[in-house]
Amino acid sequence: MPRVEKKAVEVIAALGGEPVFFCMDVTDDEQVAAAIDNCVRAFGRLDGAFNNAGISTEPASVLHQKAGEIAENAWELVLAVNLTGVWRCMRHQLRQMLAQGGGASIVNNASIAGLVGLKGHAAYAASKHGVVGLTRSAAADYARSGIRVNAVCPGFVATPMTQPVFDEAGDKGLEGVPLRRLGTPEEIAEAVVWLLSDRASFITGSAMAADGGYTSL
């Protein structure tokens, strides 16, 4: 089990939950279907789902290139994981939720790149704009079935992937963030949990920015 997933399982267990780990590739429909089936076998139903798989740094050729310079295979990989992967997971999740009679919630992980353009990140931004559009359309499609669909749009978050970049850039890297700091994974998780919960029962079709004010400028 990968280190991050192992930690998540340990945290859930420490809080008294019953974690069950399944590994899947979101570009493989059979693996996605199997993961949903395994979840239902383990817990009896599916009440909430957070679609969080995505790539941004691989392949490296996608980064810091103008839109017309991106290799076709690089473009296709980013879209296959970040957008089609979300749709594929939602398709199986929605089938299960409908079979249960609704009353469920889905949150998709988009990005500030789903709300504004990012220079040099055309493939990533296109995929995340797609996630926002998919989220809003699905929310309209399934509202009458009692299934809410929302997206969270994180800004710059302190992770092993982003920290070296901001360490090098220093304060200059945060000039576009009114709060002048990176977010934390825990802060993004709080937004996701709230959107999944009944406390957000009147919220569907939203794209919630959790970005320290980045998109407010």
C-alpha atoms as a PDB file:
ATOM      1  CA  MET A   1       0.000   0.000   0.000  1.00  0.00           C
ATOM      2  CA  PRO A   2       1.442   3.454  -0.936  1.00  0.00           C
ATOM      3  CA  ARG A   3       2.590   5.670   1.932  1.00  0.00           C
ATOM      4  CA  VAL A   4      -0.156   8.320   1.594  1.00  0.00           C
ATOM      5  CA  GLU A   5      -2.942   5.741   1.398  1.00  0.00           C
ATOM      6  CA  LYS A   6      -1.472   3.844   4.352  1.00  0.00           C
ATOM      7  CA  LYS A   7      -1.526   7.011   6.437  1.00  0.00           C
ATOM      8  CA  ALA A   8      -5.153   7.665   5.478  1.00  0.00           C
ATOM      9  CA  VAL A   9      -6.144   4.156   6.529  1.00  0.00           C
ATOM     10  CA  GLU A  10      -4.316   4.589   9.851  1.00  0.00           C
ATOM     11  CA  VAL A  11      -6.035   7.931  10.554  1.00  0.00           C
ATOM     12  CA  ILE A  12      -9.496   6.530   9.799  1.00  0.00           C
ATOM     13  CA  ALA A  13      -8.858   3.525  12.040  1.00  0.00           C
ATOM     14  CA  ALA A  14      -7.573   5.745  14.860  1.00  0.00           C
ATOM     15  CA  LEU A  15     -10.803   7.761  14.696  1.00  0.00           C
ATOM     16  CA  GLY A  16     -12.877   4.615  15.076  1.00  0.00           C
ATOM     17  CA  GLY A  17     -13.777   4.154  11.417  1.00  0.00           C
ATOM     18  CA  GLU A  18     -13.562   1.007   9.334  1.00  0.00           C
ATOM     19  CA  PRO A  19     -11.159   1.766   6.476  1.00  0.00           C
ATOM     20  CA  VAL A  20     -11.055  -0.500   3.450  1.00  0.00           C
ATOM     21  CA  PHE A  21      -8.436   0.112   0.751  1.00  0.00           C
ATOM     22  CA  PHE A  22      -8.933  -0.648  -2.943  1.00  0.00           C
ATOM     23  CA  CYS A  23      -6.437   0.298  -5.657  1.00  0.00           C
ATOM     24  CA  MET A  24      -7.648   1.246  -9.134  1.00  0.00           C
ATOM     25  CA  ASP A  25      -6.650   3.027 -12.332  1.00  0.00           C
ATOM     26  CA  VAL A  26      -9.311   5.602 -13.246  1.00  0.00           C
ATOM     27  CA  THR A  27      -8.500   5.166 -16.939  1.00  0.00           C
ATOM     28  CA  ASP A  28      -9.611   1.500 -16.740  1.00  0.00           C
ATOM     29  CA  ASP A  29     -13.396   1.091 -16.656  1.00  0.00           C
ATOM     30  CA  GLU A  30     -13.278  -2.463 -15.305  1.00  0.00           C
ATOM     31  CA  GLN A  31     -11.099  -1.411 -12.370  1.00  0.00           C
ATOM     32  CA  VAL A  32     -13.405   1.489 -11.547  1.00  0.00           C
ATOM     33  CA  ALA A  33     -16.475  -0.736 -11.641  1.00  0.00           C
ATOM     34  CA  ALA A  34     -14.738  -3.306  -9.439  1.00  0.00           C
ATOM     35  CA  ALA A  35     -13.768  -0.672  -6.871  1.00  0.00           C
ATOM     36  CA  ILE A  36     -17.372   0.544  -6.571  1.00  0.00           C
ATOM     37  CA  ASP A  37     -18.627  -3.049  -6.290  1.00  0.00           C
ATOM     38  CA  ASN A  38     -16.038  -3.783  -3.594  1.00  0.00           C
ATOM     39  CA  CYS A  39     -17.079  -0.690  -1.663  1.00  0.00           C
ATOM     40  CA  VAL A  40     -20.745  -1.708  -1.746  1.00  0.00           C
ATOM     41  CA  ARG A  41     -19.872  -5.238  -0.663  1.00  0.00           C
ATOM     42  CA  ALA A  42     -17.876  -3.860   2.252  1.00  0.00           C
ATOM     43  CA  PHE A  43     -20.380  -1.243   3.463  1.00  0.00           C
ATOM     44  CA  GLY A  44     -23.697  -2.163   1.893  1.00  0.00           C
ATOM     45  CA  ARG A  45     -24.214   1.121   0.022  1.00  0.00           C
ATOM     46  CA  LEU A  46     -22.523   4.232  -1.332  1.00  0.00           C
ATOM     47  CA  ASP A  47     -23.612   7.510   0.242  1.00  0.00           C
ATOM     48  CA  GLY A  48     -20.722   9.777  -0.709  1.00  0.00           C
ATOM     49  CA  ALA A  49     -17.839   9.866  -3.168  1.00  0.00           C
ATOM     50  CA  PHE A  50     -14.864  12.186  -3.601  1.00  0.00           C
ATOM     51  CA  ASN A  51     -13.263  11.918  -7.037  1.00  0.00           C
ATOM     52  CA  ASN A  52      -9.725  13.081  -6.374  1.00  0.00           C
ATOM     53  CA  ALA A  53      -7.440  11.249  -8.817  1.00  0.00           C
ATOM     54  CA  GLY A  54      -5.525  13.616 -11.060  1.00  0.00           C
ATOM     55  CA  ILE A  55      -2.155  14.472 -12.547  1.00  0.00           C
ATOM     56  CA  SER A  56      -0.443  17.774 -13.137  1.00  0.00           C
ATOM     57  CA  THR A  57       3.316  17.191 -13.246  1.00  0.00           C
ATOM     58  CA  GLU A  58       3.408  14.125 -15.482  1.00  0.00           C
ATOM     59  CA  PRO A  59       4.157  14.047 -18.294  1.00  0.00           C
ATOM     60  CA  ALA A  60       6.586  16.907 -17.815  1.00  0.00           C
ATOM     61  CA  SER A  61       6.117  18.036 -21.409  1.00  0.00           C
ATOM     62  CA  VAL A  62       2.661  19.374 -20.513  1.00  0.00           C
ATOM     63  CA  LEU A  63       4.079  21.982 -18.121  1.00  0.00           C
ATOM     64  CA  HIS A  64       5.101  25.504 -19.050  1.00  0.00           C
ATOM     65  CA  GLN A  65       4.227  25.087 -22.711  1.00  0.00           C
ATOM     66  CA  LYS A  66       1.931  27.170 -24.839  1.00  0.00           C
ATOM     67  CA  ALA A  67      -1.275  25.442 -25.871  1.00  0.00           C
ATOM     68  CA  GLY A  68      -0.103  24.800 -29.423  1.00  0.00           C
ATOM     69  CA  GLU A  69       3.163  23.225 -28.281  1.00  0.00           C
ATOM     70  CA  ILE A  70       1.747  20.356 -26.200  1.00  0.00           C
ATOM     71  CA  ALA A  71       2.311  16.888 -27.637  1.00  0.00           C
ATOM     72  CA  GLU A  72      -0.908  15.087 -28.476  1.00  0.00           C
ATOM     73  CA  ASN A  73      -0.142  12.060 -26.291  1.00  0.00           C
ATOM     74  CA  ALA A  74       0.594  14.336 -23.334  1.00  0.00           C
ATOM     75  CA  TRP A  75      -2.672  16.206 -23.844  1.00  0.00           C
ATOM     76  CA  GLU A  76      -4.633  12.953 -24.092  1.00  0.00           C
ATOM     77  CA  LEU A  77      -3.128  11.538 -20.899  1.00  0.00           C
ATOM     78  CA  VAL A  78      -4.007  14.589 -18.806  1.00  0.00           C
ATOM     79  CA  LEU A  79      -7.577  14.617 -20.141  1.00  0.00           C
ATOM     80  CA  ALA A  80      -7.894  10.835 -19.733  1.00  0.00           C
ATOM     81  CA  VAL A  81      -7.054  10.986 -16.020  1.00  0.00           C
ATOM     82  CA  ASN A  82      -8.337  14.373 -14.908  1.00  0.00           C
ATOM     83  CA  LEU A  83     -11.596  14.587 -16.849  1.00  0.00           C
ATOM     84  CA  THR A  84     -12.581  11.253 -18.352  1.00  0.00           C
ATOM     85  CA  GLY A  85     -11.438   9.515 -15.160  1.00  0.00           C
ATOM     86  CA  VAL A  86     -13.802  11.682 -13.100  1.00  0.00           C
ATOM     87  CA  TRP A  87     -16.672  11.012 -15.508  1.00  0.00           C
ATOM     88  CA  ARG A  88     -15.959   7.276 -15.467  1.00  0.00           C
ATOM     89  CA  CYS A  89     -16.025   7.160 -11.662  1.00  0.00           C
ATOM     90  CA  MET A  90     -19.199   9.254 -11.547  1.00  0.00           C
ATOM     91  CA  ARG A  91     -20.948   6.983 -14.025  1.00  0.00           C
ATOM     92  CA  HIS A  92     -20.530   3.949 -11.785  1.00  0.00           C
ATOM     93  CA  GLN A  93     -21.178   5.912  -8.597  1.00  0.00           C
ATOM     94  CA  LEU A  94     -24.407   7.371  -9.980  1.00  0.00           C
ATOM     95  CA  ARG A  95     -25.692   3.961 -11.035  1.00  0.00           C
ATOM     96  CA  GLN A  96     -25.215   2.675  -7.505  1.00  0.00           C
ATOM     97  CA  MET A  97     -26.690   5.796  -5.889  1.00  0.00           C
ATOM     98  CA  LEU A  98     -29.752   5.650  -8.142  1.00  0.00           C
ATOM     99  CA  ALA A  99     -30.238   1.977  -7.309  1.00  0.00           C
ATOM    100  CA  GLN A 100     -30.289   2.949  -3.620  1.00  0.00           C
ATOM    101  CA  GLY A 101     -32.994   5.540  -4.233  1.00  0.00           C
ATOM    102  CA  GLY A 102     -30.817   8.667  -4.155  1.00  0.00           C
ATOM    103  CA  GLY A 103     -29.969  10.627  -1.043  1.00  0.00           C
ATOM    104  CA  ALA A 104     -26.260  10.681  -1.843  1.00  0.00           C
ATOM    105  CA  SER A 105     -23.529  13.199  -2.632  1.00  0.00           C
ATOM    106  CA  ILE A 106     -20.544  13.427  -4.983  1.00  0.00           C
ATOM    107  CA  VAL A 107     -17.674  15.899  -4.805  1.00  0.00           C
ATOM    108  CA  ASN A 108     -15.209  16.251  -7.665  1.00  0.00           C
ATOM    109  CA  ASN A 109     -11.755  17.731  -7.196  1.00  0.00           C
ATOM    110  CA  ALA A 110     -11.338  20.514  -9.740  1.00  0.00           C
ATOM    111  CA  SER A 111      -8.902  23.404  -9.239  1.00  0.00           C
ATOM    112  CA  ILE A 112      -8.564  27.152  -9.527  1.00  0.00           C
ATOM    113  CA  ALA A 113      -7.450  26.111 -13.025  1.00  0.00           C
ATOM    114  CA  GLY A 114     -11.082  25.129 -13.559  1.00  0.00           C
ATOM    115  CA  LEU A 115     -12.162  28.712 -12.866  1.00  0.00           C
ATOM    116  CA  VAL A 116      -9.419  30.788 -14.512  1.00  0.00           C
ATOM    117  CA  GLY A 117      -6.740  30.206 -17.108  1.00  0.00           C
ATOM    118  CA  LEU A 118      -3.185  29.350 -16.082  1.00  0.00           C
ATOM    119  CA  LYS A 119      -0.387  30.358 -18.428  1.00  0.00           C
ATOM    120  CA  GLY A 120       1.688  27.380 -19.482  1.00  0.00           C
ATOM    121  CA  HIS A 121      -0.821  24.841 -18.153  1.00  0.00           C
ATOM    122  CA  ALA A 122      -3.357  24.560 -20.974  1.00  0.00           C
ATOM    123  CA  ALA A 123      -3.959  20.807 -20.735  1.00  0.00           C
ATOM    124  CA  TYR A 124      -4.420  20.895 -16.972  1.00  0.00           C
ATOM    125  CA  ALA A 125      -6.695  23.944 -17.137  1.00  0.00           C
ATOM    126  CA  ALA A 126      -8.770  22.404 -19.912  1.00  0.00           C
ATOM    127  CA  SER A 127      -9.245  19.222 -17.901  1.00  0.00           C
ATOM    128  CA  LYS A 128     -10.262  21.088 -14.763  1.00  0.00           C
ATOM    129  CA  HIS A 129     -12.643  23.429 -16.616  1.00  0.00           C
ATOM    130  CA  GLY A 130     -14.164  20.218 -17.944  1.00  0.00           C
ATOM    131  CA  VAL A 131     -14.588  18.874 -14.417  1.00  0.00           C
ATOM    132  CA  VAL A 132     -16.466  22.030 -13.401  1.00  0.00           C
ATOM    133  CA  GLY A 133     -18.747  21.783 -16.441  1.00  0.00           C
ATOM    134  CA  LEU A 134     -19.322  18.075 -15.850  1.00  0.00           C
ATOM    135  CA  THR A 135     -20.134  18.747 -12.195  1.00  0.00           C
ATOM    136  CA  ARG A 136     -22.694  21.437 -12.949  1.00  0.00           C
ATOM    137  CA  SER A 137     -24.367  19.411 -15.683  1.00  0.00           C
ATOM    138  CA  ALA A 138     -24.577  16.270 -13.553  1.00  0.00           C
ATOM    139  CA  ALA A 139     -25.985  18.309 -10.668  1.00  0.00           C
ATOM    140  CA  ALA A 140     -28.842  19.423 -12.917  1.00  0.00           C
ATOM    141  CA  ASP A 141     -29.335  15.918 -14.277  1.00  0.00           C
ATOM    142  CA  TYR A 142     -29.677  14.223 -10.877  1.00  0.00           C
ATOM    143  CA  ALA A 143     -31.127  16.867  -8.541  1.00  0.00           C
ATOM    144  CA  ARG A 144     -34.615  15.365  -8.769  1.00  0.00           C
ATOM    145  CA  SER A 145     -33.118  11.990  -7.853  1.00  0.00           C
ATOM    146  CA  GLY A 146     -31.779  13.353  -4.569  1.00  0.00           C
ATOM    147  CA  ILE A 147     -28.133  13.208  -5.614  1.00  0.00           C
ATOM    148  CA  ARG A 148     -26.032  16.334  -5.106  1.00  0.00           C
ATOM    149  CA  VAL A 149     -22.915  16.930  -7.205  1.00  0.00           C
ATOM    150  CA  ASN A 150     -20.386  19.649  -6.364  1.00  0.00           C
ATOM    151  CA  ALA A 151     -16.765  20.496  -7.030  1.00  0.00           C
ATOM    152  CA  VAL A 152     -14.036  21.869  -4.814  1.00  0.00           C
ATOM    153  CA  CYS A 153     -11.451  24.104  -6.503  1.00  0.00           C
ATOM    154  CA  PRO A 154      -8.232  24.196  -4.470  1.00  0.00           C
ATOM    155  CA  GLY A 155      -5.649  26.874  -4.975  1.00  0.00           C
ATOM    156  CA  PHE A 156      -1.982  26.433  -4.107  1.00  0.00           C
ATOM    157  CA  VAL A 157      -1.725  23.798  -1.384  1.00  0.00           C
ATOM    158  CA  ALA A 158       1.330  22.711   0.612  1.00  0.00           C
ATOM    159  CA  THR A 159       2.084  19.202  -0.607  1.00  0.00           C
ATOM    160  CA  PRO A 160       5.317  17.363  -1.375  1.00  0.00           C
ATOM    161  CA  MET A 161       4.656  18.194  -5.046  1.00  0.00           C
ATOM    162  CA  THR A 162       4.239  21.964  -4.651  1.00  0.00           C
ATOM    163  CA  GLN A 163       6.404  22.794  -1.657  1.00  0.00           C
ATOM    164  CA  PRO A 164       9.774  22.820  -3.493  1.00  0.00           C
ATOM    165  CA  VAL A 165       8.367  25.240  -6.069  1.00  0.00           C
ATOM    166  CA  PHE A 166       7.229  27.721  -3.447  1.00  0.00           C
ATOM    167  CA  ASP A 167      10.364  27.271  -1.365  1.00  0.00           C
ATOM    168  CA  GLU A 168      12.323  28.408  -4.398  1.00  0.00           C
ATOM    169  CA  ALA A 169       9.969  31.245  -5.339  1.00  0.00           C
ATOM    170  CA  GLY A 170       9.654  32.539  -1.780  1.00  0.00           C
ATOM    171  CA  ASP A 171       7.129  35.310  -1.063  1.00  0.00           C
ATOM    172  CA  LYS A 172       6.981  36.187  -4.762  1.00  0.00           C
ATOM    173  CA  GLY A 173       5.219  32.897  -5.457  1.00  0.00           C
ATOM    174  CA  LEU A 174       2.340  33.963  -3.219  1.00  0.00           C
ATOM    175  CA  GLU A 175       1.819  37.449  -4.634  1.00  0.00           C
ATOM    176  CA  GLY A 176      -1.461  36.411  -6.229  1.00  0.00           C
ATOM    177  CA  VAL A 177      -2.837  34.900  -3.009  1.00  0.00           C
ATOM    178  CA  PRO A 178      -4.462  37.523  -0.736  1.00  0.00           C
ATOM    179  CA  LEU A 179      -3.940  35.371   2.376  1.00  0.00           C
ATOM    180  CA  ARG A 180      -0.218  35.187   1.462  1.00  0.00           C
ATOM    181  CA  ARG A 181       0.205  31.547   2.344  1.00  0.00           C
ATOM    182  CA  LEU A 182      -0.309  28.061   0.974  1.00  0.00           C
ATOM    183  CA  GLY A 183      -3.370  26.104   1.928  1.00  0.00           C
ATOM    184  CA  THR A 184      -3.135  22.788   3.755  1.00  0.00           C
ATOM    185  CA  PRO A 185      -4.557  19.425   2.693  1.00  0.00           C
ATOM    186  CA  GLU A 186      -6.624  19.473   5.893  1.00  0.00           C
ATOM    187  CA  GLU A 187      -8.296  22.730   4.872  1.00  0.00           C
ATOM    188  CA  ILE A 188      -9.284  21.286   1.512  1.00  0.00           C
ATOM    189  CA  ALA A 189     -10.541  18.138   3.227  1.00  0.00           C
ATOM    190  CA  GLU A 190     -12.788  20.231   5.492  1.00  0.00           C
ATOM    191  CA  ALA A 191     -14.439  21.763   2.421  1.00  0.00           C
ATOM    192  CA  VAL A 192     -14.916  18.347   0.826  1.00  0.00           C
ATOM    193  CA  VAL A 193     -16.408  16.802   3.972  1.00  0.00           C
ATOM    194  CA  TRP A 194     -18.813  19.722   4.341  1.00  0.00           C
ATOM    195  CA  LEU A 195     -19.990  19.442   0.727  1.00  0.00           C
ATOM    196  CA  LEU A 196     -20.507  15.701   1.132  1.00  0.00           C
ATOM    197  CA  SER A 197     -22.456  16.106   4.354  1.00  0.00           C
ATOM    198  CA  ASP A 198     -26.104  16.923   5.000  1.00  0.00           C
ATOM    199  CA  ARG A 199     -24.950  20.315   6.293  1.00  0.00           C
ATOM    200  CA  ALA A 200     -24.644  21.274   2.616  1.00  0.00           C
ATOM    201  CA  SER A 201     -28.048  19.820   1.745  1.00  0.00           C
ATOM    202  CA  PHE A 202     -29.107  22.861  -0.336  1.00  0.00           C
ATOM    203  CA  ILE A 203     -25.824  23.020  -2.261  1.00  0.00           C
ATOM    204  CA  THR A 204     -25.519  21.347  -5.641  1.00  0.00           C
ATOM    205  CA  GLY A 205     -23.834  22.356  -8.878  1.00  0.00           C
ATOM    206  CA  SER A 206     -21.351  24.580  -7.069  1.00  0.00           C
ATOM    207  CA  ALA A 207     -17.636  25.000  -7.745  1.00  0.00           C
ATOM    208  CA  MET A 208     -16.277  26.059  -4.364  1.00  0.00           C
ATOM    209  CA  ALA A 209     -12.967  27.911  -4.479  1.00  0.00           C
ATOM    210  CA  ALA A 210     -10.647  27.070  -1.587  1.00  0.00           C
ATOM    211  CA  ASP A 211      -7.784  29.252  -2.706  1.00  0.00           C
ATOM    212  CA  GLY A 212      -6.898  31.892  -0.138  1.00  0.00           C
ATOM    213  CA  GLY A 213      -8.661  34.493  -2.267  1.00  0.00           C
ATOM    214  CA  TYR A 214      -6.709  33.821  -5.492  1.00  0.00           C
ATOM    215  CA  THR A 215      -9.782  33.902  -7.763  1.00  0.00           C
ATOM    216  CA  SER A 216     -11.258  36.939  -5.993  1.00  0.00           C
ATOM    217  CA  LEU A 217      -8.758  39.304  -7.637  1.00  0.00           C
END
